[in-house]
Amino acid sequence: MIQVKEFLDTDTSSAETRANQFLAGLKDEQVVNVCYGSIMKSSVNGAGFQRSAILVVYKTGESNPK
């Protein structure tokens, strides 16, 4: 079965770190695609910082009978 897992940056955690940890637990042949996007977000004091979103598309060993 094909599945997706989304990782988003938060104030306390990095999407990149969590995505890499997740990918480390998969076999290479399970990974279908990895998509990445980022935006700049302004804080109240006007400082800008990057927010990232990562989507991992992967195969599981489960089948989905029709």
Protein backbone atom coordinates (compact mmCIF):
# COMPACT_ATOMS: atom_id res chain seq x y z
CA MET A 1 0.00 0.00 0.00
CA ILE A 2 1.20 3.54 -0.74
CA GLN A 3 1.19 5.89 2.27
CA VAL A 4 2.19 9.51 2.91
CA LYS A 5 3.75 11.10 5.98
CA GLU A 6 3.96 14.86 6.44
CA PHE A 7 6.59 16.68 8.49
CA LEU A 8 6.19 20.37 9.37
CA ASP A 9 8.57 22.72 11.14
CA THR A 10 7.33 23.98 14.49
CA ASP A 11 8.80 26.37 17.03
CA THR A 12 10.37 23.41 18.83
CA SER A 13 11.15 20.81 16.16
CA SER A 14 12.70 20.59 12.71
CA ALA A 15 10.86 18.88 9.87
CA GLU A 16 14.20 17.87 8.36
CA THR A 17 15.35 16.08 11.50
CA ARG A 18 12.09 14.17 11.92
CA ALA A 19 11.88 13.28 8.20
CA ASN A 20 15.45 11.96 8.23
CA GLN A 21 14.71 9.85 11.31
CA PHE A 22 11.63 8.42 9.61
CA LEU A 23 13.49 7.73 6.35
CA ALA A 24 16.28 5.95 8.24
CA GLY A 25 13.70 3.35 9.28
CA LEU A 26 12.64 2.60 5.70
CA LYS A 27 14.35 0.45 3.10
CA ASP A 28 15.45 2.30 -0.04
CA GLU A 29 12.93 0.41 -2.18
CA GLN A 30 10.08 1.60 0.05
CA VAL A 31 10.65 5.29 -0.75
CA VAL A 32 8.52 6.46 -3.68
CA ASN A 33 9.09 10.23 -3.49
CA VAL A 34 10.12 13.03 -1.14
CA CYS A 35 8.65 16.50 -1.68
CA TYR A 36 9.92 19.65 0.02
CA GLY A 37 8.63 23.19 0.34
CA SER A 38 9.54 26.21 2.42
CA ILE A 39 8.22 29.67 3.18
CA MET A 40 9.51 32.70 5.04
CA LYS A 41 7.40 33.65 8.05
CA SER A 42 7.58 36.92 9.94
CA SER A 43 7.46 37.06 13.71
CA VAL A 44 5.78 39.77 15.75
CA ASN A 45 9.07 41.68 16.10
CA GLY A 46 9.57 41.65 12.31
CA ALA A 47 12.30 39.02 12.16
CA GLY A 48 11.91 36.47 9.38
CA PHE A 49 12.48 32.75 9.65
CA GLN A 50 12.05 29.78 7.36
CA ARG A 51 9.37 27.13 7.82
CA SER A 52 9.69 23.83 5.96
CA ALA A 53 7.23 21.13 4.98
CA ILE A 54 8.34 17.68 3.83
CA LEU A 55 6.08 14.99 2.41
CA VAL A 56 7.37 11.42 2.20
CA VAL A 57 5.52 9.01 -0.09
CA TYR A 58 6.41 5.41 0.73
CA LYS A 59 5.32 1.80 0.34
CA THR A 60 4.29 -0.41 3.23
CA GLY A 61 4.17 -4.19 3.29
CA GLU A 62 0.40 -4.08 3.68
CA SER A 63 -1.84 -4.71 0.71
CA ASN A 64 -5.17 -3.12 0.06
CA PRO A 65 -7.42 -5.81 -1.43
CA LYS A 66 -10.15 -4.59 -3.75
